[in-house]
């Protein structure tokens, strides 16, 4: 079924983007990596999404927890799409 396949691709892409976000977030713990080309590319992919959440979550002890909110939202969307995919297959 086309819808099932399309949902599967979107679910996989969200999972891949979550992985990219995690790598980018973890790279912030290593300041020497910030100047690398790979982290620059990851920043171009991740910052437009992460900026949507900055300011929504207050800083706690200097920690920016907006990335956690961003990952949680992606996880929620991915879970909902999996549920939709399961219901489409059951039809």
N, C-alpha and C. Protein backbone atom coordinates (compact mmCIF):
# COMPACT_ATOMS: atom_id res chain seq x y z
N UNK A 1 0.84 -1.17 0.00
CA UNK A 1 0.00 0.00 0.00
C UNK A 1 0.89 1.25 0.00
N UNK A 2 0.52 2.24 -0.74
CA UNK A 2 1.33 3.45 -0.89
C UNK A 2 1.38 4.24 0.42
N UNK A 3 0.25 4.38 1.09
CA UNK A 3 0.21 5.15 2.34
C UNK A 3 1.09 4.50 3.39
N UNK A 4 1.01 3.18 3.48
CA UNK A 4 1.83 2.45 4.46
C UNK A 4 3.32 2.67 4.18
N UNK A 5 3.71 2.60 2.92
CA UNK A 5 5.10 2.80 2.54
C UNK A 5 5.55 4.23 2.82
N UNK A 6 4.70 5.18 2.49
CA UNK A 6 5.02 6.58 2.72
C UNK A 6 5.18 6.86 4.22
N UNK A 7 4.28 6.32 5.02
CA UNK A 7 4.39 6.49 6.46
C UNK A 7 5.68 5.85 6.98
N UNK A 8 6.03 4.70 6.45
CA UNK A 8 7.27 4.04 6.86
C UNK A 8 8.49 4.88 6.56
N UNK A 9 8.51 5.52 5.41
CA UNK A 9 9.63 6.39 5.03
C UNK A 9 9.69 7.60 5.97
N UNK A 10 8.55 8.21 6.23
CA UNK A 10 8.52 9.39 7.11
C UNK A 10 8.97 9.00 8.52
N UNK A 11 8.52 7.86 9.00
CA UNK A 11 8.92 7.38 10.33
C UNK A 11 10.43 7.17 10.39
N UNK A 12 10.99 6.58 9.35
CA UNK A 12 12.44 6.37 9.31
C UNK A 12 13.19 7.69 9.24
N UNK A 13 12.69 8.64 8.47
CA UNK A 13 13.34 9.94 8.37
C UNK A 13 13.32 10.69 9.71
N UNK A 14 12.21 10.59 10.42
CA UNK A 14 12.14 11.22 11.74
C UNK A 14 13.15 10.58 12.68
N UNK A 15 13.25 9.25 12.64
CA UNK A 15 14.24 8.56 13.47
C UNK A 15 15.66 8.99 13.13
N UNK A 16 15.95 9.15 11.86
CA UNK A 16 17.27 9.60 11.44
C UNK A 16 17.52 11.02 11.92
N UNK A 17 16.52 11.88 11.80
CA UNK A 17 16.67 13.26 12.26
C UNK A 17 16.88 13.32 13.77
N UNK A 18 16.20 12.44 14.51
CA UNK A 18 16.41 12.37 15.95
C UNK A 18 17.86 12.02 16.26
N UNK A 19 18.41 11.09 15.53
CA UNK A 19 19.81 10.70 15.72
C UNK A 19 20.74 11.87 15.41
N UNK A 20 20.47 12.57 14.33
CA UNK A 20 21.28 13.74 13.96
C UNK A 20 21.19 14.80 15.07
N UNK A 21 20.01 15.02 15.61
CA UNK A 21 19.84 15.97 16.71
C UNK A 21 20.65 15.57 17.93
N UNK A 22 20.60 14.31 18.28
CA UNK A 22 21.34 13.83 19.45
C UNK A 22 22.83 14.04 19.26
N UNK A 23 23.34 13.71 18.08
CA UNK A 23 24.77 13.90 17.80
C UNK A 23 25.12 15.38 17.89
N UNK A 24 24.28 16.23 17.33
CA UNK A 24 24.53 17.67 17.37
C UNK A 24 24.50 18.19 18.81
N UNK A 25 23.53 17.75 19.58
CA UNK A 25 23.42 18.18 20.97
C UNK A 25 24.63 17.72 21.78
N UNK A 26 25.03 16.47 21.59
CA UNK A 26 26.19 15.96 22.32
C UNK A 26 27.47 16.67 21.91
N UNK A 27 27.55 17.11 20.66
CA UNK A 27 28.74 17.83 20.21
C UNK A 27 28.93 19.14 20.95
N UNK A 28 27.85 19.68 21.51
CA UNK A 28 27.97 20.93 22.25
C UNK A 28 28.76 20.74 23.54
N UNK A 29 28.91 19.53 24.00
CA UNK A 29 29.70 19.25 25.19
C UNK A 29 31.19 19.30 24.91
N UNK A 30 31.55 19.32 23.64
CA UNK A 30 32.96 19.32 23.23
C UNK A 30 33.21 20.55 22.37
N UNK A 31 33.60 21.66 22.99
CA UNK A 31 33.75 22.92 22.25
C UNK A 31 34.71 22.83 21.06
N UNK A 32 35.70 21.98 21.13
CA UNK A 32 36.65 21.86 20.02
C UNK A 32 35.98 21.29 18.76
N UNK A 33 34.87 20.62 18.90
CA UNK A 33 34.15 20.07 17.74
C UNK A 33 33.31 21.12 17.03
N UNK A 34 32.97 22.21 17.71
CA UNK A 34 32.08 23.23 17.14
C UNK A 34 32.62 23.82 15.84
N UNK A 35 33.95 23.82 15.68
CA UNK A 35 34.53 24.42 14.48
C UNK A 35 34.68 23.43 13.33
N UNK A 36 34.30 22.17 13.55
CA UNK A 36 34.44 21.18 12.48
C UNK A 36 33.35 21.36 11.43
N UNK A 37 33.65 20.93 10.21
CA UNK A 37 32.68 21.06 9.12
C UNK A 37 31.45 20.19 9.36
N UNK A 38 31.66 19.00 9.93
CA UNK A 38 30.54 18.09 10.18
C UNK A 38 29.55 18.73 11.15
N UNK A 39 30.05 19.29 12.24
CA UNK A 39 29.15 19.91 13.21
C UNK A 39 28.49 21.15 12.60
N UNK A 40 29.22 21.86 11.73
CA UNK A 40 28.61 22.99 11.03
C UNK A 40 27.44 22.55 10.16
N UNK A 41 27.61 21.43 9.47
CA UNK A 41 26.53 20.88 8.65
C UNK A 41 25.36 20.43 9.53
N UNK A 42 25.68 19.76 10.63
CA UNK A 42 24.62 19.34 11.55
C UNK A 42 23.87 20.55 12.10
N UNK A 43 24.61 21.63 12.36
CA UNK A 43 23.97 22.84 12.85
C UNK A 43 23.00 23.43 11.84
N UNK A 44 23.37 23.38 10.57
CA UNK A 44 22.48 23.88 9.52
C UNK A 44 21.20 23.05 9.44
N UNK A 45 21.31 21.77 9.76
CA UNK A 45 20.14 20.89 9.74
C UNK A 45 19.29 21.01 11.00
N UNK A 46 19.95 21.24 12.13
CA UNK A 46 19.26 21.17 13.42
C UNK A 46 18.79 22.52 13.96
N UNK A 47 19.58 23.57 13.77
CA UNK A 47 19.26 24.85 14.38
C UNK A 47 17.89 25.41 13.96
N UNK A 48 17.48 25.31 12.70
CA UNK A 48 16.14 25.84 12.37
C UNK A 48 15.02 25.17 13.17
N UNK A 49 15.17 23.90 13.50
CA UNK A 49 14.17 23.20 14.30
C UNK A 49 14.33 23.56 15.78
N UNK A 50 15.56 23.55 16.27
CA UNK A 50 15.81 23.80 17.69
C UNK A 50 15.43 25.23 18.10
N UNK A 51 15.59 26.17 17.18
CA UNK A 51 15.30 27.57 17.52
C UNK A 51 13.81 27.77 17.84
N UNK A 52 12.97 26.89 17.33
CA UNK A 52 11.54 26.97 17.63
C UNK A 52 11.25 26.75 19.12
N UNK A 53 12.16 26.05 19.81
CA UNK A 53 11.92 25.67 21.19
C UNK A 53 12.71 26.52 22.19
N UNK A 54 13.67 27.27 21.70
CA UNK A 54 14.47 28.11 22.60
C UNK A 54 13.59 29.21 23.17
N UNK A 55 13.68 29.40 24.44
CA UNK A 55 12.86 30.39 25.12
C UNK A 55 11.57 29.81 25.67
N UNK A 56 11.16 28.65 25.18
CA UNK A 56 9.96 28.01 25.72
C UNK A 56 10.25 27.33 27.05
N UNK A 57 11.48 26.84 27.18
CA UNK A 57 11.88 26.12 28.38
C UNK A 57 12.92 26.99 29.09
N UNK A 58 12.68 27.32 30.36
CA UNK A 58 13.65 28.16 31.06
C UNK A 58 14.96 27.40 31.30
N UNK A 59 16.05 28.17 31.35
CA UNK A 59 17.34 27.57 31.65
C UNK A 59 17.36 27.13 33.10
N UNK A 60 17.81 25.92 33.33
CA UNK A 60 17.94 25.41 34.69
C UNK A 60 19.41 25.21 34.99
N UNK A 61 19.95 26.08 35.78
CA UNK A 61 21.36 25.96 36.13
C UNK A 61 22.27 26.09 34.93
N UNK A 62 21.88 26.87 33.94
CA UNK A 62 22.70 27.05 32.74
C UNK A 62 22.47 25.99 31.68
N UNK A 63 21.61 25.03 31.95
CA UNK A 63 21.31 23.98 30.97
C UNK A 63 20.13 24.41 30.10
N UNK A 64 20.31 24.32 28.80
CA UNK A 64 19.24 24.62 27.85
C UNK A 64 18.49 23.33 27.57
N UNK A 65 17.31 23.22 28.13
CA UNK A 65 16.52 22.00 27.99
C UNK A 65 15.57 22.03 26.80
N UNK A 66 15.69 23.05 25.97
CA UNK A 66 14.81 23.14 24.81
C UNK A 66 15.06 21.99 23.84
N UNK A 67 16.29 21.49 23.76
CA UNK A 67 16.59 20.36 22.89
C UNK A 67 15.83 19.12 23.34
N UNK A 68 15.69 18.97 24.65
CA UNK A 68 14.93 17.83 25.18
C UNK A 68 13.47 17.91 24.75
N UNK A 69 12.91 19.09 24.82
CA UNK A 69 11.53 19.29 24.37
C UNK A 69 11.40 19.01 22.87
N UNK A 70 12.38 19.46 22.10
CA UNK A 70 12.37 19.22 20.65
C UNK A 70 12.41 17.72 20.35
N UNK A 71 13.25 16.99 21.06
CA UNK A 71 13.33 15.54 20.85
C UNK A 71 12.05 14.84 21.29
N UNK A 72 11.47 15.31 22.40
CA UNK A 72 10.22 14.71 22.87
C UNK A 72 9.10 14.90 21.86
N UNK A 73 9.03 16.07 21.25
CA UNK A 73 7.99 16.31 20.25
C UNK A 73 8.17 15.41 19.04
N UNK A 74 9.41 15.28 18.59
CA UNK A 74 9.67 14.37 17.46
C UNK A 74 9.29 12.94 17.81
N UNK A 75 9.60 12.54 19.02
CA UNK A 75 9.26 11.19 19.46
C UNK A 75 7.74 10.99 19.48
N UNK A 76 7.02 11.99 19.95
CA UNK A 76 5.56 11.92 19.99
C UNK A 76 4.98 11.82 18.58
N UNK A 77 5.48 12.65 17.67
CA UNK A 77 4.99 12.62 16.29
C UNK A 77 5.28 11.26 15.66
N UNK A 78 6.50 10.77 15.91
CA UNK A 78 6.87 9.46 15.35
C UNK A 78 5.97 8.36 15.90
N UNK A 79 5.69 8.39 17.18
CA UNK A 79 4.81 7.39 17.78
C UNK A 79 3.40 7.46 17.19
N UNK A 80 2.90 8.67 17.00
CA UNK A 80 1.57 8.81 16.40
C UNK A 80 1.54 8.26 14.98
N UNK A 81 2.61 8.52 14.22
CA UNK A 81 2.67 8.00 12.85
C UNK A 81 2.75 6.48 12.83
N UNK A 82 3.45 5.91 13.80
CA UNK A 82 3.51 4.43 13.90
C UNK A 82 2.11 3.89 14.18
N UNK A 83 1.37 4.55 15.08
CA UNK A 83 0.01 4.11 15.38
C UNK A 83 -0.89 4.20 14.15
N UNK A 84 -0.73 5.27 13.40
CA UNK A 84 -1.51 5.43 12.16
C UNK A 84 -1.12 4.34 11.17
N UNK A 85 0.17 4.06 11.06
CA UNK A 85 0.63 3.04 10.14
C UNK A 85 0.06 1.67 10.52
N UNK A 86 0.04 1.38 11.80
CA UNK A 86 -0.51 0.09 12.28
C UNK A 86 -2.00 0.01 11.95
N UNK A 87 -2.73 1.12 12.13
CA UNK A 87 -4.16 1.09 11.85
C UNK A 87 -4.43 0.98 10.35
N UNK A 88 -3.54 1.56 9.52
CA UNK A 88 -3.70 1.44 8.06
C UNK A 88 -3.47 0.00 7.64
N UNK A 89 -2.47 -0.66 8.22
CA UNK A 89 -2.17 -2.05 7.89
C UNK A 89 -3.32 -2.95 8.33
N UNK A 90 -3.94 -2.63 9.47
CA UNK A 90 -5.04 -3.45 9.97
C UNK A 90 -6.29 -3.34 9.10
N UNK A 91 -6.41 -2.27 8.35
CA UNK A 91 -7.57 -2.09 7.50
C UNK A 91 -7.57 -3.04 6.39
